[in-house]
PDB file of N, CA and C in Angstrom:
ATOM      1  N   MET A   1      51.844 183.798  31.025  1.00  0.00           N
ATOM      2  CA  MET A   1      53.120 184.310  31.451  1.00  0.00           C
ATOM      3  C   MET A   1      54.226 183.426  30.901  1.00  0.00           C
ATOM      4  N   ALA A   2      55.204 184.016  30.281  1.00  0.00           N
ATOM      5  CA  ALA A   2      56.319 183.279  29.716  1.00  0.00           C
ATOM      6  C   ALA A   2      57.270 182.844  30.828  1.00  0.00           C
ATOM      7  N   LEU A   3      57.674 181.604  30.784  1.00  0.00           N
ATOM      8  CA  LEU A   3      58.597 181.069  31.776  1.00  0.00           C
ATOM      9  C   LEU A   3      59.944 180.806  31.134  1.00  0.00           C
ATOM     10  N   ASN A   4      60.992 181.020  31.899  1.00  0.00           N
ATOM     11  CA  ASN A   4      62.303 180.663  31.367  1.00  0.00           C
ATOM     12  C   ASN A   4      62.533 179.165  31.559  1.00  0.00           C
ATOM     13  N   LYS A   5      63.659 178.672  31.089  1.00  0.00           N
ATOM     14  CA  LYS A   5      63.924 177.241  31.084  1.00  0.00           C
ATOM     15  C   LYS A   5      63.944 176.655  32.504  1.00  0.00           C
ATOM     16  N   ALA A   6      64.590 177.341  33.421  1.00  0.00           N
ATOM     17  CA  ALA A   6      64.693 176.851  34.800  1.00  0.00           C
ATOM     18  C   ALA A   6      63.323 176.813  35.475  1.00  0.00           C
ATOM     19  N   ALA A   7      62.492 177.816  35.226  1.00  0.00           N
ATOM     20  CA  ALA A   7      61.162 177.857  35.828  1.00  0.00           C
ATOM     21  C   ALA A   7      60.275 176.735  35.275  1.00  0.00           C
ATOM     22  N   LYS A   8      60.402 176.442  33.984  1.00  0.00           N
ATOM     23  CA  LYS A   8      59.631 175.352  33.381  1.00  0.00           C
ATOM     24  C   LYS A   8      60.017 174.018  34.004  1.00  0.00           C
ATOM     25  N   LYS A   9      61.338 173.808  34.168  1.00  0.00           N
ATOM     26  CA  LYS A   9      61.816 172.548  34.738  1.00  0.00           C
ATOM     27  C   LYS A   9      61.348 172.404  36.182  1.00  0.00           C
ATOM     28  N   LEU A  10      61.397 173.480  36.952  1.00  0.00           N
ATOM     29  CA  LEU A  10      60.950 173.451  38.340  1.00  0.00           C
ATOM     30  C   LEU A  10      59.461 173.138  38.429  1.00  0.00           C
ATOM     31  N   ARG A  11      58.674 173.693  37.522  1.00  0.00           N
ATOM     32  CA  ARG A  11      57.235 173.435  37.493  1.00  0.00           C
ATOM     33  C   ARG A  11      56.959 171.960  37.190  1.00  0.00           C
ATOM     34  N   ILE A  12      57.686 171.387  36.240  1.00  0.00           N
ATOM     35  CA  ILE A  12      57.539 169.974  35.904  1.00  0.00           C
ATOM     36  C   ILE A  12      57.959 169.110  37.093  1.00  0.00           C
ATOM     37  N   LYS A  13      59.087 169.480  37.720  1.00  0.00           N
ATOM     38  CA  LYS A  13      59.612 168.725  38.854  1.00  0.00           C
ATOM     39  C   LYS A  13      58.613 168.692  40.012  1.00  0.00           C
ATOM     40  N   ARG A  14      57.996 169.819  40.308  1.00  0.00           N
ATOM     41  CA  ARG A  14      57.006 169.882  41.391  1.00  0.00           C
ATOM     42  C   ARG A  14      55.772 169.051  41.064  1.00  0.00           C
ATOM     43  N   GLY A  15      55.379 169.027  39.814  1.00  0.00           N
ATOM     44  CA  GLY A  15      54.244 168.209  39.407  1.00  0.00           C
ATOM     45  C   GLY A  15      54.517 166.724  39.579  1.00  0.00           C
ATOM     46  N   ILE A  16      55.754 166.322  39.281  1.00  0.00           N
ATOM     47  CA  ILE A  16      56.136 164.921  39.447  1.00  0.00           C
ATOM     48  C   ILE A  16      56.151 164.558  40.925  1.00  0.00           C
ATOM     49  N   ARG A  17      56.717 165.426  41.756  1.00  0.00           N
ATOM     50  CA  ARG A  17      56.870 165.145  43.182  1.00  0.00           C
ATOM     51  C   ARG A  17      55.533 165.121  43.932  1.00  0.00           C
ATOM     52  N   LYS A  18      54.502 165.783  43.381  1.00  0.00           N
ATOM     53  CA  LYS A  18      53.180 165.707  43.992  1.00  0.00           C
ATOM     54  C   LYS A  18      52.600 164.301  43.867  1.00  0.00           C
ATOM     55  N   LYS A  19      52.975 163.615  42.805  1.00  0.00           N
ATOM     56  CA  LYS A  19      52.378 162.331  42.491  1.00  0.00           C
ATOM     57  C   LYS A  19      53.117 161.143  43.088  1.00  0.00           C
ATOM     58  N   ILE A  20      54.416 161.284  43.370  1.00  0.00           N
ATOM     59  CA  ILE A  20      55.183 160.148  43.871  1.00  0.00           C
ATOM     60  C   ILE A  20      55.740 160.454  45.252  1.00  0.00           C
ATOM     61  N   ASN A  21      55.915 159.397  46.025  1.00  0.00           N
ATOM     62  CA  ASN A  21      56.432 159.528  47.378  1.00  0.00           C
ATOM     63  C   ASN A  21      57.138 158.227  47.722  1.00  0.00           C
ATOM     64  N   GLY A  22      58.304 158.313  48.320  1.00  0.00           N
ATOM     65  CA  GLY A  22      59.068 157.135  48.665  1.00  0.00           C
ATOM     66  C   GLY A  22      58.893 156.750  50.120  1.00  0.00           C
ATOM     67  N   SER A  23      58.974 155.451  50.391  1.00  0.00           N
ATOM     68  CA  SER A  23      58.915 154.946  51.752  1.00  0.00           C
ATOM     69  C   SER A  23      60.076 153.981  51.949  1.00  0.00           C
ATOM     70  N   ALA A  24      60.193 153.401  53.119  1.00  0.00           N
ATOM     71  CA  ALA A  24      61.303 152.491  53.389  1.00  0.00           C
ATOM     72  C   ALA A  24      61.208 151.222  52.553  1.00  0.00           C
ATOM     73  N   ASP A  25      59.995 150.720  52.329  1.00  0.00           N
ATOM     74  CA  ASP A  25      59.843 149.491  51.547  1.00  0.00           C
ATOM     75  C   ASP A  25      59.809 149.748  50.046  1.00  0.00           C
ATOM     76  N   CYS A  26      59.445 150.954  49.633  1.00  0.00           N
ATOM     77  CA  CYS A  26      59.421 151.322  48.215  1.00  0.00           C
ATOM     78  C   CYS A  26      59.958 152.754  48.082  1.00  0.00           C
ATOM     79  N   PRO A  27      61.290 152.909  48.098  1.00  0.00           N
ATOM     80  CA  PRO A  27      61.870 154.262  48.088  1.00  0.00           C
ATOM     81  C   PRO A  27      61.772 154.931  46.725  1.00  0.00           C
ATOM     82  N   ARG A  28      62.019 156.228  46.737  1.00  0.00           N
ATOM     83  CA  ARG A  28      62.024 157.023  45.509  1.00  0.00           C
ATOM     84  C   ARG A  28      63.429 156.982  44.921  1.00  0.00           C
ATOM     85  N   LEU A  29      63.531 156.619  43.644  1.00  0.00           N
ATOM     86  CA  LEU A  29      64.808 156.615  42.927  1.00  0.00           C
ATOM     87  C   LEU A  29      64.923 157.945  42.200  1.00  0.00           C
ATOM     88  N   SER A  30      65.698 158.861  42.777  1.00  0.00           N
ATOM     89  CA  SER A  30      65.872 160.192  42.209  1.00  0.00           C
ATOM     90  C   SER A  30      67.163 160.226  41.402  1.00  0.00           C
ATOM     91  N   VAL A  31      67.086 160.782  40.215  1.00  0.00           N
ATOM     92  CA  VAL A  31      68.259 160.873  39.351  1.00  0.00           C
ATOM     93  C   VAL A  31      68.550 162.341  39.075  1.00  0.00           C
ATOM     94  N   TYR A  32      69.830 162.699  39.139  1.00  0.00           N
ATOM     95  CA  TYR A  32      70.271 164.060  38.845  1.00  0.00           C
ATOM     96  C   TYR A  32      71.339 163.989  37.766  1.00  0.00           C
ATOM     97  N   ARG A  33      71.186 164.806  36.761  1.00  0.00           N
ATOM     98  CA  ARG A  33      72.119 164.816  35.635  1.00  0.00           C
ATOM     99  C   ARG A  33      72.754 166.195  35.533  1.00  0.00           C
ATOM    100  N   SER A  34      74.072 166.226  35.506  1.00  0.00           N
ATOM    101  CA  SER A  34      74.783 167.469  35.252  1.00  0.00           C
ATOM    102  C   SER A  34      75.539 167.314  33.942  1.00  0.00           C
ATOM    103  N   ASN A  35      76.300 168.318  33.576  1.00  0.00           N
ATOM    104  CA  ASN A  35      77.071 168.224  32.334  1.00  0.00           C
ATOM    105  C   ASN A  35      78.219 167.232  32.437  1.00  0.00           C
ATOM    106  N   THR A  36      78.705 166.990  33.647  1.00  0.00           N
ATOM    107  CA  THR A  36      79.885 166.149  33.822  1.00  0.00           C
ATOM    108  C   THR A  36      79.617 164.834  34.535  1.00  0.00           C
ATOM    109  N   ALA A  37      78.455 164.660  35.133  1.00  0.00           N
ATOM    110  CA  ALA A  37      78.208 163.441  35.907  1.00  0.00           C
ATOM    111  C   ALA A  37      76.719 163.138  35.969  1.00  0.00           C
ATOM    112  N   ILE A  38      76.418 161.934  36.450  1.00  0.00           N
ATOM    113  CA  ILE A  38      75.045 161.533  36.723  1.00  0.00           C
ATOM    114  C   ILE A  38      75.023 160.876  38.097  1.00  0.00           C
ATOM    115  N   TYR A  39      74.005 161.196  38.869  1.00  0.00           N
ATOM    116  CA  TYR A  39      73.892 160.732  40.240  1.00  0.00           C
ATOM    117  C   TYR A  39      72.531 160.089  40.440  1.00  0.00           C
ATOM    118  N   GLY A  40      72.474 159.074  41.287  1.00  0.00           N
ATOM    119  CA  GLY A  40      71.210 158.441  41.639  1.00  0.00           C
ATOM    120  C   GLY A  40      71.142 158.197  43.133  1.00  0.00           C
ATOM    121  N   GLN A  41      69.958 158.364  43.708  1.00  0.00           N
ATOM    122  CA  GLN A  41      69.755 158.145  45.133  1.00  0.00           C
ATOM    123  C   GLN A  41      68.453 157.401  45.369  1.00  0.00           C
ATOM    124  N   LEU A  42      68.460 156.533  46.364  1.00  0.00           N
ATOM    125  CA  LEU A  42      67.237 155.916  46.849  1.00  0.00           C
ATOM    126  C   LEU A  42      66.863 156.632  48.134  1.00  0.00           C
ATOM    127  N   ILE A  43      65.696 157.271  48.137  1.00  0.00           N
ATOM    128  CA  ILE A  43      65.314 158.158  49.225  1.00  0.00           C
ATOM    129  C   ILE A  43      64.037 157.669  49.889  1.00  0.00           C
ATOM    130  N   ASP A  44      64.081 157.615  51.226  1.00  0.00           N
ATOM    131  CA  ASP A  44      62.896 157.347  52.040  1.00  0.00           C
ATOM    132  C   ASP A  44      62.353 158.707  52.470  1.00  0.00           C
ATOM    133  N   ASP A  45      61.282 159.163  51.834  1.00  0.00           N
ATOM    134  CA  ASP A  45      60.734 160.499  52.100  1.00  0.00           C
ATOM    135  C   ASP A  45      60.065 160.605  53.469  1.00  0.00           C
ATOM    136  N   ARG A  46      59.559 159.524  53.978  1.00  0.00           N
ATOM    137  CA  ARG A  46      58.873 159.581  55.268  1.00  0.00           C
ATOM    138  C   ARG A  46      59.841 159.871  56.411  1.00  0.00           C
ATOM    139  N   ASN A  47      61.047 159.307  56.340  1.00  0.00           N
ATOM    140  CA  ASN A  47      62.048 159.531  57.384  1.00  0.00           C
ATOM    141  C   ASN A  47      63.112 160.538  56.962  1.00  0.00           C
ATOM    142  N   GLY A  48      63.102 160.957  55.700  1.00  0.00           N
ATOM    143  CA  GLY A  48      64.078 161.919  55.210  1.00  0.00           C
ATOM    144  C   GLY A  48      65.480 161.353  55.153  1.00  0.00           C
ATOM    145  N   GLN A  49      65.620 160.098  54.712  1.00  0.00           N
ATOM    146  CA  GLN A  49      66.913 159.439  54.669  1.00  0.00           C
ATOM    147  C   GLN A  49      67.252 158.977  53.264  1.00  0.00           C
ATOM    148  N   THR A  50      68.541 159.026  52.956  1.00  0.00           N
ATOM    149  CA  THR A  50      69.048 158.429  51.727  1.00  0.00           C
ATOM    150  C   THR A  50      69.485 157.014  52.055  1.00  0.00           C
ATOM    151  N   LEU A  51      68.911 156.029  51.379  1.00  0.00           N
ATOM    152  CA  LEU A  51      69.183 154.626  51.672  1.00  0.00           C
ATOM    153  C   LEU A  51      70.390 154.106  50.895  1.00  0.00           C
ATOM    154  N   ALA A  52      70.588 154.588  49.674  1.00  0.00           N
ATOM    155  CA  ALA A  52      71.731 154.188  48.853  1.00  0.00           C
ATOM    156  C   ALA A  52      71.941 155.248  47.785  1.00  0.00           C
ATOM    157  N   SER A  53      73.173 155.352  47.315  1.00  0.00           N
ATOM    158  CA  SER A  53      73.458 156.312  46.251  1.00  0.00           C
ATOM    159  C   SER A  53      74.600 155.793  45.386  1.00  0.00           C
ATOM    160  N   ALA A  54      74.649 156.303  44.159  1.00  0.00           N
ATOM    161  CA  ALA A  54      75.719 155.962  43.229  1.00  0.00           C
ATOM    162  C   ALA A  54      75.896 157.125  42.271  1.00  0.00           C
ATOM    163  N   SER A  55      77.114 157.279  41.771  1.00  0.00           N
ATOM    164  CA  SER A  55      77.384 158.348  40.814  1.00  0.00           C
ATOM    165  C   SER A  55      78.457 157.895  39.834  1.00  0.00           C
ATOM    166  N   SER A  56      78.557 158.614  38.731  1.00  0.00           N
ATOM    167  CA  SER A  56      79.586 158.305  37.747  1.00  0.00           C
ATOM    168  C   SER A  56      80.967 158.661  38.297  1.00  0.00           C
ATOM    169  N   LYS A  57      81.056 159.624  39.180  1.00  0.00           N
ATOM    170  CA  LYS A  57      82.332 159.988  39.785  1.00  0.00           C
ATOM    171  C   LYS A  57      82.821 158.885  40.712  1.00  0.00           C
ATOM    172  N   GLU A  58      81.886 158.214  41.350  1.00  0.00           N
ATOM    173  CA  GLU A  58      82.222 157.087  42.218  1.00  0.00           C
ATOM    174  C   GLU A  58      82.844 155.948  41.416  1.00  0.00           C
ATOM    175  N   LEU A  59      82.416 155.796  40.178  1.00  0.00           N
ATOM    176  CA  LEU A  59      82.946 154.749  39.307  1.00  0.00           C
ATOM    177  C   LEU A  59      84.229 155.175  38.608  1.00  0.00           C
ATOM    178  N   GLY A  60      84.654 156.406  38.819  1.00  0.00           N
ATOM    179  CA  GLY A  60      85.878 156.893  38.177  1.00  0.00           C
ATOM    180  C   GLY A  60      85.656 157.412  36.771  1.00  0.00           C
ATOM    181  N   LYS A  61      84.435 157.708  36.418  1.00  0.00           N
ATOM    182  CA  LYS A  61      84.108 158.226  35.084  1.00  0.00           C
ATOM    183  C   LYS A  61      83.986 159.747  35.168  1.00  0.00           C
ATOM    184  N   PHE A  62      85.092 160.429  35.067  1.00  0.00           N
ATOM    185  CA  PHE A  62      85.103 161.888  35.168  1.00  0.00           C
ATOM    186  C   PHE A  62      84.990 162.513  33.785  1.00  0.00           C
ATOM    187  N   ASN A  63      84.062 163.443  33.643  1.00  0.00           N
ATOM    188  CA  ASN A  63      83.887 164.241  32.421  1.00  0.00           C
ATOM    189  C   ASN A  63      83.669 163.413  31.166  1.00  0.00           C
ATOM    190  N   SER A  64      83.217 162.186  31.305  1.00  0.00           N
ATOM    191  CA  SER A  64      82.923 161.374  30.123  1.00  0.00           C
ATOM    192  C   SER A  64      81.565 160.711  30.288  1.00  0.00           C
ATOM    193  N   ILE A  65      80.603 161.524  30.695  1.00  0.00           N
ATOM    194  CA  ILE A  65      79.277 160.965  30.936  1.00  0.00           C
ATOM    195  C   ILE A  65      78.582 160.737  29.597  1.00  0.00           C
ATOM    196  N   ASN A  66      78.173 159.508  29.378  1.00  0.00           N
ATOM    197  CA  ASN A  66      77.443 159.164  28.168  1.00  0.00           C
ATOM    198  C   ASN A  66      76.436 158.079  28.516  1.00  0.00           C
ATOM    199  N   ILE A  67      75.797 157.544  27.520  1.00  0.00           N
ATOM    200  CA  ILE A  67      74.736 156.571  27.755  1.00  0.00           C
ATOM    201  C   ILE A  67      75.285 155.297  28.404  1.00  0.00           C
ATOM    202  N   ALA A  68      76.446 154.832  27.963  1.00  0.00           N
ATOM    203  CA  ALA A  68      77.019 153.610  28.534  1.00  0.00           C
ATOM    204  C   ALA A  68      77.373 153.799  30.008  1.00  0.00           C
ATOM    205  N   ASN A  69      77.949 154.927  30.347  1.00  0.00           N
ATOM    206  CA  ASN A  69      78.307 155.202  31.740  1.00  0.00           C
ATOM    207  C   ASN A  69      77.060 155.371  32.608  1.00  0.00           C
ATOM    208  N   SER A  70      76.031 155.980  32.047  1.00  0.00           N
ATOM    209  CA  SER A  70      74.780 156.145  32.792  1.00  0.00           C
ATOM    210  C   SER A  70      74.172 154.787  33.125  1.00  0.00           C
ATOM    211  N   LYS A  71      74.266 153.856  32.187  1.00  0.00           N
ATOM    212  CA  LYS A  71      73.741 152.510  32.411  1.00  0.00           C
ATOM    213  C   LYS A  71      74.524 151.810  33.518  1.00  0.00           C
ATOM    214  N   GLU A  72      75.852 152.008  33.539  1.00  0.00           N
ATOM    215  CA  GLU A  72      76.688 151.419  34.584  1.00  0.00           C
ATOM    216  C   GLU A  72      76.309 151.949  35.967  1.00  0.00           C
ATOM    217  N   VAL A  73      76.060 153.244  36.058  1.00  0.00           N
ATOM    218  CA  VAL A  73      75.680 153.847  37.335  1.00  0.00           C
ATOM    219  C   VAL A  73      74.348 153.278  37.808  1.00  0.00           C
ATOM    220  N   GLY A  74      73.401 153.087  36.895  1.00  0.00           N
ATOM    221  CA  GLY A  74      72.121 152.479  37.245  1.00  0.00           C
ATOM    222  C   GLY A  74      72.291 151.064  37.778  1.00  0.00           C
ATOM    223  N   LYS A  75      73.171 150.283  37.147  1.00  0.00           N
ATOM    224  CA  LYS A  75      73.435 148.921  37.613  1.00  0.00           C
ATOM    225  C   LYS A  75      74.088 148.930  38.992  1.00  0.00           C
ATOM    226  N   LYS A  76      75.021 149.855  39.191  1.00  0.00           N
ATOM    227  CA  LYS A  76      75.714 149.961  40.480  1.00  0.00           C
ATOM    228  C   LYS A  76      74.725 150.304  41.594  1.00  0.00           C
ATOM    229  N   LEU A  77      73.813 151.219  41.323  1.00  0.00           N
ATOM    230  CA  LEU A  77      72.807 151.587  42.312  1.00  0.00           C
ATOM    231  C   LEU A  77      71.882 150.410  42.609  1.00  0.00           C
ATOM    232  N   ALA A  78      71.551 149.637  41.584  1.00  0.00           N
ATOM    233  CA  ALA A  78      70.702 148.465  41.782  1.00  0.00           C
ATOM    234  C   ALA A  78      71.407 147.427  42.656  1.00  0.00           C
ATOM    235  N   GLU A  79      72.716 147.270  42.493  1.00  0.00           N
ATOM    236  CA  GLU A  79      73.478 146.345  43.339  1.00  0.00           C
ATOM    237  C   GLU A  79      73.435 146.784  44.799  1.00  0.00           C
ATOM    238  N   LYS A  80      73.606 148.080  45.030  1.00  0.00           N
ATOM    239  CA  LYS A  80      73.568 148.610  46.396  1.00  0.00           C
ATOM    240  C   LYS A  80      72.173 148.445  46.997  1.00  0.00           C
ATOM    241  N   ALA A  81      71.142 148.630  46.172  1.00  0.00           N
ATOM    242  CA  ALA A  81      69.774 148.466  46.647  1.00  0.00           C
ATOM    243  C   ALA A  81      69.509 147.012  47.030  1.00  0.00           C
ATOM    244  N   LYS A  82      69.983 146.080  46.212  1.00  0.00           N
ATOM    245  CA  LYS A  82      69.802 144.658  46.501  1.00  0.00           C
ATOM    246  C   LYS A  82      70.494 144.291  47.806  1.00  0.00           C
ATOM    247  N   ALA A  83      71.678 144.877  48.048  1.00  0.00           N
ATOM    248  CA  ALA A  83      72.401 144.615  49.293  1.00  0.00           C
ATOM    249  C   ALA A  83      71.617 145.116  50.508  1.00  0.00           C
ATOM    250  N   ASN A  84      70.827 146.175  50.330  1.00  0.00           N
ATOM    251  CA  ASN A  84      69.992 146.710  51.409  1.00  0.00           C
ATOM    252  C   ASN A  84      68.610 146.063  51.455  1.00  0.00           C
ATOM    253  N   GLY A  85      68.340 145.115  50.564  1.00  0.00           N
ATOM    254  CA  GLY A  85      67.059 144.421  50.568  1.00  0.00           C
ATOM    255  C   GLY A  85      65.941 145.184  49.876  1.00  0.00           C
ATOM    256  N   ILE A  86      66.277 146.053  48.946  1.00  0.00           N
ATOM    257  CA  ILE A  86      65.286 146.856  48.227  1.00  0.00           C
ATOM    258  C   ILE A  86      65.151 146.314  46.811  1.00  0.00           C
ATOM    259  N   GLU A  87      63.915 146.014  46.411  1.00  0.00           N
ATOM    260  CA  GLU A  87      63.675 145.522  45.056  1.00  0.00           C
ATOM    261  C   GLU A  87      62.744 146.422  44.262  1.00  0.00           C
ATOM    262  N   LYS A  88      61.805 147.074  44.945  1.00  0.00           N
ATOM    263  CA  LYS A  88      60.797 147.888  44.266  1.00  0.00           C
ATOM    264  C   LYS A  88      61.017 149.356  44.600  1.00  0.00           C
ATOM    265  N   VAL A  89      60.995 150.217  43.573  1.00  0.00           N
ATOM    266  CA  VAL A  89      61.196 151.659  43.755  1.00  0.00           C
ATOM    267  C   VAL A  89      60.208 152.420  42.872  1.00  0.00           C
ATOM    268  N   VAL A  90      60.078 153.728  43.146  1.00  0.00           N
ATOM    269  CA  VAL A  90      59.350 154.622  42.245  1.00  0.00           C
ATOM    270  C   VAL A  90      60.379 155.556  41.627  1.00  0.00           C
ATOM    271  N   PHE A  91      60.283 155.789  40.334  1.00  0.00           N
ATOM    272  CA  PHE A  91      61.308 156.534  39.601  1.00  0.00           C
ATOM    273  C   PHE A  91      60.953 158.011  39.544  1.00  0.00           C
ATOM    274  N   ASP A  92      61.901 158.844  39.972  1.00  0.00           N
ATOM    275  CA  ASP A  92      61.759 160.299  39.936  1.00  0.00           C
ATOM    276  C   ASP A  92      62.785 160.826  38.939  1.00  0.00           C
ATOM    277  N   ARG A  93      62.313 161.231  37.766  1.00  0.00           N
ATOM    278  CA  ARG A  93      63.226 161.714  36.731  1.00  0.00           C
ATOM    279  C   ARG A  93      63.672 163.140  36.976  1.00  0.00           C
ATOM    280  N   ASN A  94      63.142 163.758  38.026  1.00  0.00           N
ATOM    281  CA  ASN A  94      63.627 165.053  38.507  1.00  0.00           C
ATOM    282  C   ASN A  94      63.467 166.172  37.482  1.00  0.00           C
ATOM    283  N   GLY A  95      62.391 166.132  36.714  1.00  0.00           N
ATOM    284  CA  GLY A  95      62.115 167.193  35.749  1.00  0.00           C
ATOM    285  C   GLY A  95      62.748 166.987  34.391  1.00  0.00           C
ATOM    286  N   HIS A  96      63.594 165.971  34.257  1.00  0.00           N
ATOM    287  CA  HIS A  96      64.238 165.705  32.977  1.00  0.00           C
ATOM    288  C   HIS A  96      63.310 164.892  32.083  1.00  0.00           C
ATOM    289  N   ILE A  97      63.498 165.001  30.798  1.00  0.00           N
ATOM    290  CA  ILE A  97      62.750 164.193  29.843  1.00  0.00           C
ATOM    291  C   ILE A  97      63.266 162.753  29.920  1.00  0.00           C
ATOM    292  N   TYR A  98      62.380 161.778  29.854  1.00  0.00           N
ATOM    293  CA  TYR A  98      62.768 160.363  29.903  1.00  0.00           C
ATOM    294  C   TYR A  98      63.351 159.982  28.546  1.00  0.00           C
ATOM    295  N   HIS A  99      64.641 160.299  28.380  1.00  0.00           N
ATOM    296  CA  HIS A  99      65.298 160.151  27.094  1.00  0.00           C
ATOM    297  C   HIS A  99      66.799 160.158  27.326  1.00  0.00           C
ATOM    298  N   GLY A 100      67.551 159.494  26.485  1.00  0.00           N
ATOM    299  CA  GLY A 100      69.004 159.580  26.533  1.00  0.00           C
ATOM    300  C   GLY A 100      69.603 159.023  27.806  1.00  0.00           C
ATOM    301  N   ARG A 101      70.378 159.843  28.522  1.00  0.00           N
ATOM    302  CA  ARG A 101      71.094 159.396  29.716  1.00  0.00           C
ATOM    303  C   ARG A 101      70.149 159.011  30.858  1.00  0.00           C
ATOM    304  N   ILE A 102      69.018 159.694  30.980  1.00  0.00           N
ATOM    305  CA  ILE A 102      68.053 159.365  32.025  1.00  0.00           C
ATOM    306  C   ILE A 102      67.441 157.993  31.744  1.00  0.00           C
ATOM    307  N   LYS A 103      67.090 157.733  30.510  1.00  0.00           N
ATOM    308  CA  LYS A 103      66.522 156.441  30.132  1.00  0.00           C
ATOM    309  C   LYS A 103      67.555 155.330  30.298  1.00  0.00           C
ATOM    310  N   ALA A 104      68.812 155.596  29.929  1.00  0.00           N
ATOM    311  CA  ALA A 104      69.872 154.602  30.083  1.00  0.00           C
ATOM    312  C   ALA A 104      70.093 154.264  31.553  1.00  0.00           C
ATOM    313  N   PHE A 105      70.040 155.284  32.414  1.00  0.00           N
ATOM    314  CA  PHE A 105      70.165 155.061  33.857  1.00  0.00           C
ATOM    315  C   PHE A 105      69.047 154.145  34.350  1.00  0.00           C
ATOM    316  N   ALA A 106      67.820 154.433  33.930  1.00  0.00           N
ATOM    317  CA  ALA A 106      66.670 153.624  34.344  1.00  0.00           C
ATOM    318  C   ALA A 106      66.788 152.191  33.812  1.00  0.00           C
ATOM    319  N   ASP A 107      67.221 152.039  32.578  1.00  0.00           N
ATOM    320  CA  ASP A 107      67.394 150.704  32.004  1.00  0.00           C
ATOM    321  C   ASP A 107      68.460 149.913  32.756  1.00  0.00           C
ATOM    322  N   GLY A 108      69.547 150.591  33.133  1.00  0.00           N
ATOM    323  CA  GLY A 108      70.592 149.932  33.910  1.00  0.00           C
ATOM    324  C   GLY A 108      70.090 149.484  35.270  1.00  0.00           C
ATOM    325  N   ALA A 109      69.280 150.313  35.913  1.00  0.00           N
ATOM    326  CA  ALA A 109      68.714 149.944  37.209  1.00  0.00           C
ATOM    327  C   ALA A 109      67.763 148.754  37.062  1.00  0.00           C
ATOM    328  N   ARG A 110      66.997 148.737  35.974  1.00  0.00           N
ATOM    329  CA  ARG A 110      66.098 147.590  35.732  1.00  0.00           C
ATOM    330  C   ARG A 110      66.906 146.318  35.471  1.00  0.00           C
ATOM    331  N   GLU A 111      67.982 146.438  34.698  1.00  0.00           N
ATOM    332  CA  GLU A 111      68.831 145.270  34.431  1.00  0.00           C
ATOM    333  C   GLU A 111      69.480 144.759  35.705  1.00  0.00           C
ATOM    334  N   GLY A 112      69.762 145.663  36.633  1.00  0.00           N
ATOM    335  CA  GLY A 112      70.338 145.276  37.914  1.00  0.00           C
ATOM    336  C   GLY A 112      69.354 144.605  38.847  1.00  0.00           C
ATOM    337  N   GLY A 113      68.067 144.663  38.539  1.00  0.00           N
ATOM    338  CA  GLY A 113      67.069 143.943  39.312  1.00  0.00           C
ATOM    339  C   GLY A 113      66.029 144.804  40.005  1.00  0.00           C
ATOM    340  N   LEU A 114      66.082 146.121  39.858  1.00  0.00           N
ATOM    341  CA  LEU A 114      65.068 146.967  40.470  1.00  0.00           C
ATOM    342  C   LEU A 114      63.791 146.935  39.628  1.00  0.00           C
ATOM    343  N   LYS A 115      62.662 147.013  40.289  1.00  0.00           N
ATOM    344  CA  LYS A 115      61.367 147.007  39.597  1.00  0.00           C
ATOM    345  C   LYS A 115      60.675 148.344  39.803  1.00  0.00           C
ATOM    346  N   PHE A 116      60.303 148.984  38.688  1.00  0.00           N
ATOM    347  CA  PHE A 116      59.518 150.222  38.734  1.00  0.00           C
ATOM    348  C   PHE A 116      58.825 150.429  37.422  1.00  0.00           C
TER     349      PHE A 116
END
């Protein structure tokens, strides 16, 4: 059966989510990319809580999302995680290919001190 682009991404996303799960001591780092912004959240799946979040809009980077800005958002999220006492996370690329802005976000989070 032929799948459209959205159905393929949803299938990939569900496959990723079956394998990873976040907890309070090792939350899930979920990243969402739109055409105008990039967002990151640290999620405790067991309690259904967002522990920390960061976005390019929060940094004042409107409509200029690129690799450098994605890296900044990753660093900002890592700073917030460190303030909450979180060092280790599991990375949820949310169905996106680990390339470009998603990879830059992950690299920024690693530079900020998160381990995954």
